[in-house]
Amino acid sequence: MTSHADLLRVANAAVDIARGILLRTEPGRITSKGDRDMASEVDYAIEEAVREHLAIHTPEISFLGEEEGGGTPEAGNQTWVLDPVDGTANFIRGLPMCAISLGLIDGKEGVLGIIDLPYLDVRYSATDGGGAYCGNRQIRASGTRSLSEAIVTIGDYAVGDNSEERNSARLSLTGQLAGRVQRIRMLGTAALDLAWLADGKTDASVALSNKAWDMTAGVVIAREAGARVVDSSGIDHNFDSTATIAANAHVLPELLPIIHRALAGSAE
């Protein structure tokens, strides 16, 4: 099975399973993964169910999940990448901003993505060259022409090892954006940041990180909606990037120098 249309059908069925688990199950026991980082029983249950479904229907494709790991994407291979609950902290507290994010990487590049927002009853999807959709509605990134008119989402502040050092750039970026943009938002889920960027609800998404399970699906959806997605240097984003910056072609040139200054200041 190689066509994107066939793979999208398999992926949608897998996400249907995941959505059902999330909506009918309480978070359950919370497992600490480190400093202020956690997973719920639902995270593990979804990952196990999706892994099993995909192994049956696409045994030739490897799998990488946030909670249990798996194969590393490499040239010549395809890899499913899953974040079973993106925004676990939101999910545990009953906040509706959480997502199931399933992407497919071919080599180092994302080629398919699904982001389901169970509590909002919305699903985004895209395949490489096939456009981006919210349900059956094709979506496009915003046409906002100036950073001063833009709503910008930023990723969560860092936790764990070296969090104070890593947050230096994030805090600097927040401060510099505050005086330049229309509004800043922190939604607590990278998948939602990128989906709403693709749907024109926001105008830019900045995350000074790149974990495949967080970003793969959203990057495909954002690109297919007409946004540019790059790393902090402005080079096209892929699996090996260290940051994930997405915006339309008008806003991105204004945004990148601010990110560069924030990163340079934190390194001094």
Protein backbone atom coordinates (compact mmCIF):
# COMPACT_ATOMS: atom_id res chain seq x y z
CA MET A 1 0.00 0.00 0.00
CA THR A 2 1.79 3.13 -1.23
CA SER A 3 -0.73 5.75 -2.33
CA HIS A 4 -1.31 8.68 -0.03
CA ALA A 5 -5.07 8.24 -0.41
CA ASP A 6 -4.88 4.65 0.87
CA LEU A 7 -2.55 5.61 3.70
CA LEU A 8 -4.83 8.49 4.68
CA ARG A 9 -7.75 6.07 5.03
CA VAL A 10 -5.68 3.83 7.30
CA ALA A 11 -4.53 6.83 9.34
CA ASN A 12 -8.07 8.17 9.74
CA ALA A 13 -9.23 4.79 11.02
CA ALA A 14 -6.34 4.75 13.51
CA VAL A 15 -7.23 8.23 14.74
CA ASP A 16 -10.89 7.19 15.05
CA ILE A 17 -9.74 4.50 17.50
CA ALA A 18 -7.61 7.01 19.41
CA ARG A 19 -10.43 9.55 19.57
CA GLY A 20 -12.81 6.99 20.98
CA ILE A 21 -10.38 6.07 23.74
CA LEU A 22 -9.77 9.69 24.71
CA LEU A 23 -13.45 10.65 24.81
CA ARG A 24 -14.62 7.70 26.88
CA THR A 25 -11.69 7.36 29.31
CA GLU A 26 -10.58 9.37 32.32
CA PRO A 27 -6.87 10.31 32.41
CA GLY A 28 -6.24 7.67 35.08
CA ARG A 29 -2.87 7.22 36.73
CA ILE A 30 -0.35 9.93 35.89
CA THR A 31 3.24 8.85 35.23
CA SER A 32 6.08 11.32 35.72
CA LYS A 33 8.55 11.42 32.82
CA GLY A 34 10.77 14.03 34.45
CA ASP A 35 10.62 17.58 35.75
CA ARG A 36 7.01 18.79 35.17
CA ASP A 37 6.56 16.30 32.33
CA MET A 38 3.93 13.59 32.55
CA ALA A 39 1.87 11.02 30.69
CA SER A 40 -1.58 9.71 31.50
CA GLU A 41 -2.91 6.18 31.18
CA VAL A 42 -4.81 7.44 28.15
CA ASP A 43 -1.55 8.43 26.42
CA TYR A 44 -0.27 4.87 26.74
CA ALA A 45 -3.61 3.26 25.82
CA ILE A 46 -3.94 5.31 22.64
CA GLU A 47 -0.36 4.67 21.58
CA GLU A 48 -0.73 0.92 22.05
CA ALA A 49 -4.02 0.78 20.12
CA VAL A 50 -2.78 2.91 17.23
CA ARG A 51 0.50 1.00 17.02
CA GLU A 52 -1.41 -2.30 16.79
CA HIS A 53 -3.82 -0.98 14.15
CA LEU A 54 -1.04 0.37 11.94
CA ALA A 55 1.06 -2.79 12.33
CA ILE A 56 -1.85 -4.82 10.95
CA HIS A 57 -2.68 -2.54 8.03
CA THR A 58 0.79 -1.19 7.13
CA PRO A 59 3.32 -3.73 8.44
CA GLU A 60 5.98 -2.40 6.08
CA ILE A 61 5.98 1.03 7.75
CA SER A 62 7.85 1.57 11.03
CA PHE A 63 6.34 3.39 14.00
CA LEU A 64 7.58 6.05 16.43
CA GLY A 65 5.46 7.08 19.41
CA GLU A 66 6.09 9.71 22.04
CA GLU A 67 5.60 7.36 24.99
CA GLU A 68 7.12 4.04 23.89
CA GLY A 69 9.52 5.15 21.16
CA GLY A 70 10.20 3.06 18.06
CA GLY A 71 12.02 3.40 14.76
CA THR A 72 13.97 6.50 13.79
CA PRO A 73 13.06 8.03 10.41
CA GLU A 74 15.82 7.55 7.85
CA ALA A 75 16.37 7.78 4.12
CA GLY A 76 14.47 5.21 2.10
CA ASN A 77 12.01 4.33 4.87
CA GLN A 78 8.55 5.47 5.92
CA THR A 79 7.66 6.01 9.58
CA TRP A 80 4.37 6.69 11.30
CA VAL A 81 4.82 9.26 14.09
CA LEU A 82 2.24 9.61 16.86
CA ASP A 83 1.60 11.96 19.73
CA PRO A 84 -1.29 10.16 21.45
CA VAL A 85 -2.32 13.22 23.47
CA ASP A 86 -0.62 16.44 22.48
CA GLY A 87 -1.32 18.76 25.38
CA THR A 88 -1.41 16.16 28.16
CA ALA A 89 -1.31 18.87 30.85
CA ASN A 90 -4.43 20.43 29.31
CA PHE A 91 -6.12 17.03 29.02
CA ILE A 92 -5.48 16.14 32.66
CA ARG A 93 -7.01 19.46 33.79
CA GLY A 94 -10.05 19.16 31.52
CA LEU A 95 -8.99 21.92 29.15
CA PRO A 96 -10.31 21.23 25.63
CA MET A 97 -7.10 22.28 23.84
CA CYS A 98 -5.58 18.85 23.31
CA ALA A 99 -5.04 16.84 20.15
CA ILE A 100 -4.22 13.48 18.66
CA SER A 101 -1.46 13.97 16.12
CA LEU A 102 -0.52 11.26 13.60
CA GLY A 103 1.96 11.93 10.82
CA LEU A 104 3.84 9.95 8.21
CA ILE A 105 7.48 10.67 7.45
CA ASP A 106 9.12 9.53 4.21
CA GLY A 107 12.86 9.69 4.78
CA LYS A 108 13.17 12.97 6.69
CA GLU A 109 10.10 14.75 5.29
CA GLY A 110 6.49 14.64 6.43
CA VAL A 111 4.09 13.55 3.70
CA LEU A 112 0.80 13.00 5.57
CA GLY A 113 -0.77 14.42 8.69
CA ILE A 114 -3.93 14.17 10.76
CA ILE A 115 -4.70 16.32 13.79
CA ASP A 116 -7.89 15.48 15.65
CA LEU A 117 -9.31 17.77 18.35
CA PRO A 118 -11.71 15.42 20.15
CA TYR A 119 -13.28 17.92 22.54
CA LEU A 120 -13.81 20.45 19.76
CA ASP A 121 -15.10 17.79 17.33
CA VAL A 122 -12.76 18.92 14.55
CA ARG A 123 -10.26 17.02 12.40
CA TYR A 124 -7.56 18.44 10.16
CA SER A 125 -5.73 16.43 7.51
CA ALA A 126 -3.35 16.80 4.60
CA THR A 127 -1.20 14.80 2.23
CA ASP A 128 1.80 15.99 0.26
CA GLY A 129 0.46 17.73 -2.83
CA GLY A 130 -3.15 16.99 -1.91
CA GLY A 131 -4.13 20.16 -0.04
CA ALA A 132 -5.14 20.68 3.58
CA TYR A 133 -8.61 20.15 4.99
CA CYS A 134 -10.74 20.70 8.06
CA GLY A 135 -13.21 17.87 7.61
CA ASN A 136 -14.25 18.24 3.97
CA ARG A 137 -13.49 21.97 3.82
CA GLN A 138 -10.23 22.95 2.16
CA ILE A 139 -8.29 25.41 4.27
CA ARG A 140 -5.74 28.15 3.60
CA ALA A 141 -3.32 30.05 5.81
CA SER A 142 -4.17 33.68 6.47
CA GLY A 143 -3.28 36.53 4.16
CA THR A 144 -2.25 38.88 6.99
CA ARG A 145 0.39 41.18 5.53
CA SER A 146 2.08 42.66 8.59
CA LEU A 147 3.47 41.28 11.84
CA SER A 148 1.73 44.12 13.67
CA GLU A 149 -1.60 42.63 12.59
CA ALA A 150 -0.64 39.05 13.39
CA ILE A 151 -1.77 36.69 16.12
CA VAL A 152 1.26 34.55 16.98
CA THR A 153 1.27 31.33 18.99
CA ILE A 154 4.39 30.30 20.88
CA GLY A 155 5.36 26.92 22.25
CA ASP A 156 5.45 26.01 25.92
CA TYR A 157 8.36 27.11 28.04
CA ALA A 158 10.98 24.43 28.62
CA VAL A 159 10.99 22.03 31.56
CA GLY A 160 13.58 19.49 32.63
CA ASP A 161 17.34 19.66 32.15
CA ASN A 162 18.77 23.11 31.41
CA SER A 163 15.28 24.60 31.36
CA GLU A 164 16.46 27.93 32.79
CA GLU A 165 19.04 28.29 30.04
CA ARG A 166 16.64 27.19 27.31
CA ASN A 167 13.93 29.52 28.58
CA SER A 168 16.22 32.52 28.31
CA ALA A 169 15.60 32.61 24.54
CA ARG A 170 11.89 31.87 24.95
CA LEU A 171 11.42 34.71 27.44
CA SER A 172 13.41 37.08 25.26
CA LEU A 173 11.29 36.11 22.27
CA THR A 174 8.07 36.67 24.20
CA GLY A 175 9.25 40.11 25.29
CA GLN A 176 10.27 41.16 21.80
CA LEU A 177 7.08 39.89 20.18
CA ALA A 178 4.89 41.58 22.79
CA GLY A 179 5.74 45.00 21.41
CA ARG A 180 5.40 44.03 17.76
CA VAL A 181 2.44 41.72 17.18
CA GLN A 182 -1.32 42.04 17.51
CA ARG A 183 -1.51 39.30 20.17
CA ILE A 184 0.51 36.38 21.56
CA ARG A 185 -1.17 33.09 22.43
CA MET A 186 0.16 29.98 24.21
CA LEU A 187 -2.30 27.13 23.61
CA GLY A 188 -0.28 24.29 25.15
CA THR A 189 -0.24 22.03 22.10
CA ALA A 190 2.00 22.34 19.06
CA ALA A 191 -0.44 20.37 16.92
CA LEU A 192 -3.22 22.87 17.61
CA ASP A 193 -0.86 25.80 16.99
CA LEU A 194 -0.08 24.50 13.50
CA ALA A 195 -3.63 23.40 12.68
CA TRP A 196 -5.09 26.79 13.52
CA LEU A 197 -2.31 28.51 11.60
CA ALA A 198 -3.25 26.38 8.58
CA ASP A 199 -6.90 27.31 9.03
CA GLY A 200 -6.15 31.04 9.08
CA LYS A 201 -7.20 31.48 12.71
CA THR A 202 -3.67 32.58 13.64
CA ASP A 203 -0.87 34.00 11.52
CA ALA A 204 2.35 32.47 12.86
CA SER A 205 3.50 29.65 15.11
CA VAL A 206 6.88 29.67 16.84
CA ALA A 207 8.34 26.70 18.71
CA LEU A 208 12.02 26.66 19.62
CA SER A 209 11.95 22.88 19.49
CA ASN A 210 11.22 20.06 17.09
CA LYS A 211 10.00 16.69 18.30
CA ALA A 212 8.67 14.59 15.46
CA TRP A 213 5.52 13.45 17.29
CA ASP A 214 4.64 17.08 18.08
CA MET A 215 5.32 18.58 14.67
CA THR A 216 5.11 16.14 11.77
CA ALA A 217 1.37 16.20 11.14
CA GLY A 218 1.05 19.93 11.73
CA VAL A 219 3.94 20.79 9.44
CA VAL A 220 2.35 18.85 6.55
CA ILE A 221 -1.04 20.48 7.15
CA ALA A 222 0.44 23.99 7.43
CA ARG A 223 2.48 23.63 4.25
CA GLU A 224 -0.43 22.25 2.28
CA ALA A 225 -2.47 25.26 3.45
CA GLY A 226 0.10 27.61 1.95
CA ALA A 227 2.23 28.50 4.98
CA ARG A 228 5.99 28.34 5.01
CA VAL A 229 7.56 26.15 7.70
CA VAL A 230 11.25 26.63 8.47
CA ASP A 231 13.81 26.24 11.22
CA SER A 232 15.36 29.17 13.05
CA SER A 233 17.84 29.78 10.22
CA GLY A 234 15.06 30.06 7.65
CA ILE A 235 15.86 26.73 5.97
CA ASP A 236 12.91 24.48 5.16
CA HIS A 237 11.88 22.43 8.17
CA ASN A 238 12.47 18.67 8.34
CA PHE A 239 12.96 15.90 10.90
CA ASP A 240 16.44 17.16 11.84
CA SER A 241 15.47 20.81 12.44
CA THR A 242 15.95 22.25 15.93
CA ALA A 243 13.04 24.72 15.77
CA THR A 244 9.66 24.91 14.06
CA ILE A 245 8.59 28.30 12.73
CA ALA A 246 5.52 28.60 10.52
CA ALA A 247 3.89 31.68 8.99
CA ASN A 248 2.61 33.05 5.74
CA ALA A 249 5.03 34.57 3.23
CA HIS A 250 4.29 38.15 4.37
CA VAL A 251 4.79 37.66 8.11
CA LEU A 252 7.76 35.27 8.07
CA PRO A 253 10.42 37.79 6.87
CA GLU A 254 9.50 40.12 9.75
CA LEU A 255 9.40 37.31 12.27
CA LEU A 256 12.72 35.59 11.63
CA PRO A 257 15.00 38.51 12.64
CA ILE A 258 13.21 38.73 16.01
CA ILE A 259 13.81 35.03 16.58
CA HIS A 260 17.47 35.44 15.63
CA ARG A 261 17.91 38.26 18.15
CA ALA A 262 16.27 36.22 20.90
CA LEU A 263 18.51 33.23 20.23
CA ALA A 264 21.65 35.36 19.96
CA GLY A 265 20.88 37.19 23.21
CA SER A 266 20.41 33.96 25.15
CA ALA A 267 23.77 32.67 23.91
CA GLU A 268 25.72 35.65 25.23
